[in-house]
Amino acid sequence: MGVPKRKTSKMRLRTRKAAHRWRAAKVVSCLRCGARVLPHTACPSCGYYKGKR
C-alpha cells in the first residue's frame, strides 16, 4: 500500500480543493424566442434547438 513520504503542503491542498468549487451555470438566450436557456438543450418555451424543431 502506498504511503505518503511527506506531508501535503497547505498550498497544494488548497489548489486541489479550488478545482472543485461551485460555478454558476452558463445561460444563453434562445435564437428564436429570446428566452434564457442552458446551452446544448432545447428551449423549454418554444421547443427549438439551433433554430430547428
PDB file of N, CA and C in Angstrom:
ATOM      1  N   MET A   1       0.839  -1.186   0.000  1.00  0.00           N
ATOM      2  CA  MET A   1       0.000   0.000   0.000  1.00  0.00           C
ATOM      3  C   MET A   1       0.879   1.242   0.000  1.00  0.00           C
ATOM      4  N   GLY A   2       0.536   2.194  -0.863  1.00  0.00           N
ATOM      5  CA  GLY A   2       1.331   3.406  -0.942  1.00  0.00           C
ATOM      6  C   GLY A   2       1.136   4.297   0.264  1.00  0.00           C
ATOM      7  N   VAL A   3       2.221   4.802   0.766  1.00  0.00           N
ATOM      8  CA  VAL A   3       2.177   5.691   1.926  1.00  0.00           C
ATOM      9  C   VAL A   3       2.870   7.000   1.541  1.00  0.00           C
ATOM     10  N   PRO A   4       2.261   8.170   1.847  1.00  0.00           N
ATOM     11  CA  PRO A   4       2.902   9.431   1.503  1.00  0.00           C
ATOM     12  C   PRO A   4       4.247   9.585   2.201  1.00  0.00           C
ATOM     13  N   LYS A   5       5.232  10.056   1.446  1.00  0.00           N
ATOM     14  CA  LYS A   5       6.563  10.238   2.016  1.00  0.00           C
ATOM     15  C   LYS A   5       6.645  11.544   2.803  1.00  0.00           C
ATOM     16  N   ARG A   6       5.866  12.551   2.358  1.00  0.00           N
ATOM     17  CA  ARG A   6       5.879  13.849   3.018  1.00  0.00           C
ATOM     18  C   ARG A   6       4.453  14.344   3.241  1.00  0.00           C
ATOM     19  N   LYS A   7       4.317  15.280   4.177  1.00  0.00           N
ATOM     20  CA  LYS A   7       3.023  15.895   4.440  1.00  0.00           C
ATOM     21  C   LYS A   7       2.634  16.780   3.254  1.00  0.00           C
ATOM     22  N   THR A   8       1.368  16.739   2.855  1.00  0.00           N
ATOM     23  CA  THR A   8       0.875  17.602   1.782  1.00  0.00           C
ATOM     24  C   THR A   8       0.839  19.040   2.289  1.00  0.00           C
ATOM     25  N   SER A   9       1.439  19.949   1.532  1.00  0.00           N
ATOM     26  CA  SER A   9       1.501  21.339   1.963  1.00  0.00           C
ATOM     27  C   SER A   9       0.117  21.989   1.867  1.00  0.00           C
ATOM     28  N   LYS A  10      -0.058  23.068   2.596  1.00  0.00           N
ATOM     29  CA  LYS A  10      -1.340  23.786   2.588  1.00  0.00           C
ATOM     30  C   LYS A  10      -1.665  24.323   1.205  1.00  0.00           C
ATOM     31  N   MET A  11      -0.642  24.835   0.515  1.00  0.00           N
ATOM     32  CA  MET A  11      -0.875  25.396  -0.814  1.00  0.00           C
ATOM     33  C   MET A  11      -1.316  24.315  -1.799  1.00  0.00           C
ATOM     34  N   ARG A  12      -0.676  23.162  -1.769  1.00  0.00           N
ATOM     35  CA  ARG A  12      -1.032  22.072  -2.676  1.00  0.00           C
ATOM     36  C   ARG A  12      -2.451  21.563  -2.385  1.00  0.00           C
ATOM     37  N   LEU A  13      -2.792  21.481  -1.115  1.00  0.00           N
ATOM     38  CA  LEU A  13      -4.123  21.034  -0.709  1.00  0.00           C
ATOM     39  C   LEU A  13      -5.191  22.022  -1.168  1.00  0.00           C
ATOM     40  N   ARG A  14      -4.951  23.321  -0.951  1.00  0.00           N
ATOM     41  CA  ARG A  14      -5.928  24.340  -1.329  1.00  0.00           C
ATOM     42  C   ARG A  14      -6.069  24.460  -2.837  1.00  0.00           C
ATOM     43  N   THR A  15      -4.961  24.268  -3.573  1.00  0.00           N
ATOM     44  CA  THR A  15      -5.016  24.303  -5.036  1.00  0.00           C
ATOM     45  C   THR A  15      -5.890  23.167  -5.549  1.00  0.00           C
ATOM     46  N   ARG A  16      -5.753  22.000  -4.970  1.00  0.00           N
ATOM     47  CA  ARG A  16      -6.552  20.841  -5.365  1.00  0.00           C
ATOM     48  C   ARG A  16      -8.032  21.059  -5.033  1.00  0.00           C
ATOM     49  N   LYS A  17      -8.311  21.603  -3.868  1.00  0.00           N
ATOM     50  CA  LYS A  17      -9.696  21.848  -3.473  1.00  0.00           C
ATOM     51  C   LYS A  17     -10.354  22.944  -4.295  1.00  0.00           C
ATOM     52  N   ALA A  18      -9.562  23.900  -4.802  1.00  0.00           N
ATOM     53  CA  ALA A  18     -10.101  25.012  -5.575  1.00  0.00           C
ATOM     54  C   ALA A  18     -10.711  24.535  -6.887  1.00  0.00           C
ATOM     55  N   ALA A  19     -10.264  23.401  -7.396  1.00  0.00           N
ATOM     56  CA  ALA A  19     -10.794  22.873  -8.649  1.00  0.00           C
ATOM     57  C   ALA A  19     -12.224  22.376  -8.487  1.00  0.00           C
ATOM     58  N   HIS A  20     -12.648  22.096  -7.264  1.00  0.00           N
ATOM     59  CA  HIS A  20     -13.981  21.557  -7.001  1.00  0.00           C
ATOM     60  C   HIS A  20     -14.978  22.612  -6.551  1.00  0.00           C
ATOM     61  N   ARG A  21     -14.613  23.892  -6.705  1.00  0.00           N
ATOM     62  CA  ARG A  21     -15.519  24.941  -6.241  1.00  0.00           C
ATOM     63  C   ARG A  21     -16.765  25.018  -7.126  1.00  0.00           C
ATOM     64  N   TRP A  22     -17.823  25.599  -6.585  1.00  0.00           N
ATOM     65  CA  TRP A  22     -19.091  25.737  -7.300  1.00  0.00           C
ATOM     66  C   TRP A  22     -19.000  26.879  -8.297  1.00  0.00           C
ATOM     67  N   ARG A  23     -19.512  26.653  -9.502  1.00  0.00           N
ATOM     68  CA  ARG A  23     -19.583  27.702 -10.521  1.00  0.00           C
ATOM     69  C   ARG A  23     -21.009  27.789 -11.021  1.00  0.00           C
ATOM     70  N   ALA A  24     -21.470  29.012 -11.269  1.00  0.00           N
ATOM     71  CA  ALA A  24     -22.827  29.206 -11.781  1.00  0.00           C
ATOM     72  C   ALA A  24     -22.922  28.668 -13.205  1.00  0.00           C
ATOM     73  N   ALA A  25     -24.086  28.135 -13.557  1.00  0.00           N
ATOM     74  CA  ALA A  25     -24.297  27.582 -14.897  1.00  0.00           C
ATOM     75  C   ALA A  25     -24.338  28.710 -15.928  1.00  0.00           C
ATOM     76  N   LYS A  26     -23.741  28.469 -17.069  1.00  0.00           N
ATOM     77  CA  LYS A  26     -23.776  29.443 -18.162  1.00  0.00           C
ATOM     78  C   LYS A  26     -25.158  29.401 -18.803  1.00  0.00           C
ATOM     79  N   VAL A  27     -25.731  30.560 -19.057  1.00  0.00           N
ATOM     80  CA  VAL A  27     -27.064  30.643 -19.644  1.00  0.00           C
ATOM     81  C   VAL A  27     -26.979  31.500 -20.905  1.00  0.00           C
ATOM     82  N   VAL A  28     -27.611  31.025 -21.980  1.00  0.00           N
ATOM     83  CA  VAL A  28     -27.638  31.768 -23.240  1.00  0.00           C
ATOM     84  C   VAL A  28     -29.090  32.075 -23.587  1.00  0.00           C
ATOM     85  N   SER A  29     -29.302  32.964 -24.549  1.00  0.00           N
ATOM     86  CA  SER A  29     -30.673  33.281 -24.960  1.00  0.00           C
ATOM     87  C   SER A  29     -31.033  32.474 -26.204  1.00  0.00           C
ATOM     88  N   CYS A  30     -32.287  32.081 -26.298  1.00  0.00           N
ATOM     89  CA  CYS A  30     -32.803  31.308 -27.432  1.00  0.00           C
ATOM     90  C   CYS A  30     -32.774  32.187 -28.680  1.00  0.00           C
ATOM     91  N   LEU A  31     -32.338  31.614 -29.805  1.00  0.00           N
ATOM     92  CA  LEU A  31     -32.259  32.379 -31.050  1.00  0.00           C
ATOM     93  C   LEU A  31     -33.644  32.731 -31.585  1.00  0.00           C
ATOM     94  N   ARG A  32     -34.645  31.916 -31.285  1.00  0.00           N
ATOM     95  CA  ARG A  32     -35.990  32.116 -31.839  1.00  0.00           C
ATOM     96  C   ARG A  32     -36.853  33.027 -30.972  1.00  0.00           C
ATOM     97  N   CYS A  33     -36.962  32.720 -29.674  1.00  0.00           N
ATOM     98  CA  CYS A  33     -37.881  33.485 -28.819  1.00  0.00           C
ATOM     99  C   CYS A  33     -37.175  34.400 -27.815  1.00  0.00           C
ATOM    100  N   GLY A  34     -35.873  34.212 -27.612  1.00  0.00           N
ATOM    101  CA  GLY A  34     -35.131  35.077 -26.698  1.00  0.00           C
ATOM    102  C   GLY A  34     -35.180  34.658 -25.243  1.00  0.00           C
ATOM    103  N   ALA A  35     -35.792  33.507 -24.946  1.00  0.00           N
ATOM    104  CA  ALA A  35     -35.857  33.029 -23.562  1.00  0.00           C
ATOM    105  C   ALA A  35     -34.479  32.561 -23.110  1.00  0.00           C
ATOM    106  N   ARG A  36     -34.216  32.623 -21.801  1.00  0.00           N
ATOM    107  CA  ARG A  36     -32.950  32.182 -21.253  1.00  0.00           C
ATOM    108  C   ARG A  36     -32.964  30.663 -21.145  1.00  0.00           C
ATOM    109  N   VAL A  37     -31.925  30.001 -21.680  1.00  0.00           N
ATOM    110  CA  VAL A  37     -31.878  28.537 -21.707  1.00  0.00           C
ATOM    111  C   VAL A  37     -30.434  28.077 -21.538  1.00  0.00           C
ATOM    112  N   LEU A  38     -30.228  26.884 -20.968  1.00  0.00           N
ATOM    113  CA  LEU A  38     -28.902  26.313 -20.834  1.00  0.00           C
ATOM    114  C   LEU A  38     -28.366  25.937 -22.211  1.00  0.00           C
ATOM    115  N   PRO A  39     -27.054  26.049 -22.440  1.00  0.00           N
ATOM    116  CA  PRO A  39     -26.511  25.694 -23.746  1.00  0.00           C
ATOM    117  C   PRO A  39     -26.654  24.198 -24.029  1.00  0.00           C
ATOM    118  N   HIS A  40     -26.768  23.836 -25.292  1.00  0.00           N
ATOM    119  CA  HIS A  40     -26.876  22.450 -25.762  1.00  0.00           C
ATOM    120  C   HIS A  40     -28.160  21.773 -25.287  1.00  0.00           C
ATOM    121  N   THR A  41     -29.215  22.549 -25.051  1.00  0.00           N
ATOM    122  CA  THR A  41     -30.516  21.997 -24.685  1.00  0.00           C
ATOM    123  C   THR A  41     -31.596  22.698 -25.493  1.00  0.00           C
ATOM    124  N   ALA A  42     -32.721  22.003 -25.699  1.00  0.00           N
ATOM    125  CA  ALA A  42     -33.843  22.598 -26.415  1.00  0.00           C
ATOM    126  C   ALA A  42     -34.499  23.660 -25.535  1.00  0.00           C
ATOM    127  N   CYS A  43     -35.053  24.688 -26.167  1.00  0.00           N
ATOM    128  CA  CYS A  43     -35.722  25.768 -25.436  1.00  0.00           C
ATOM    129  C   CYS A  43     -37.018  25.235 -24.823  1.00  0.00           C
ATOM    130  N   PRO A  44     -37.232  25.440 -23.530  1.00  0.00           N
ATOM    131  CA  PRO A  44     -38.458  24.932 -22.903  1.00  0.00           C
ATOM    132  C   PRO A  44     -39.712  25.683 -23.336  1.00  0.00           C
ATOM    133  N   SER A  45     -39.575  26.939 -23.797  1.00  0.00           N
ATOM    134  CA  SER A  45     -40.772  27.710 -24.148  1.00  0.00           C
ATOM    135  C   SER A  45     -41.212  27.477 -25.595  1.00  0.00           C
ATOM    136  N   CYS A  46     -40.258  27.419 -26.542  1.00  0.00           N
ATOM    137  CA  CYS A  46     -40.663  27.237 -27.947  1.00  0.00           C
ATOM    138  C   CYS A  46     -40.302  25.857 -28.501  1.00  0.00           C
ATOM    139  N   GLY A  47     -39.432  25.116 -27.825  1.00  0.00           N
ATOM    140  CA  GLY A  47     -39.089  23.761 -28.241  1.00  0.00           C
ATOM    141  C   GLY A  47     -38.051  23.662 -29.339  1.00  0.00           C
ATOM    142  N   TYR A  48     -37.414  24.772 -29.692  1.00  0.00           N
ATOM    143  CA  TYR A  48     -36.436  24.759 -30.778  1.00  0.00           C
ATOM    144  C   TYR A  48     -35.019  24.570 -30.234  1.00  0.00           C
ATOM    145  N   TYR A  49     -34.171  23.954 -31.069  1.00  0.00           N
ATOM    146  CA  TYR A  49     -32.764  23.755 -30.744  1.00  0.00           C
ATOM    147  C   TYR A  49     -31.946  24.091 -31.975  1.00  0.00           C
ATOM    148  N   LYS A  50     -31.099  25.089 -31.890  1.00  0.00           N
ATOM    149  CA  LYS A  50     -30.283  25.571 -33.006  1.00  0.00           C
ATOM    150  C   LYS A  50     -31.156  25.976 -34.199  1.00  0.00           C
ATOM    151  N   GLY A  51     -32.297  26.578 -33.919  1.00  0.00           N
ATOM    152  CA  GLY A  51     -33.185  27.061 -34.971  1.00  0.00           C
ATOM    153  C   GLY A  51     -34.043  25.992 -35.611  1.00  0.00           C
ATOM    154  N   LYS A  52     -33.969  24.754 -35.118  1.00  0.00           N
ATOM    155  CA  LYS A  52     -34.765  23.656 -35.676  1.00  0.00           C
ATOM    156  C   LYS A  52     -35.671  23.095 -34.598  1.00  0.00           C
ATOM    157  N   ARG A  53     -36.810  22.561 -35.007  1.00  0.00           N
ATOM    158  CA  ARG A  53     -37.747  21.981 -34.062  1.00  0.00           C
ATOM    159  C   ARG A  53     -37.400  20.559 -33.777  1.00  0.00           C
TER     160      ARG A  53
END
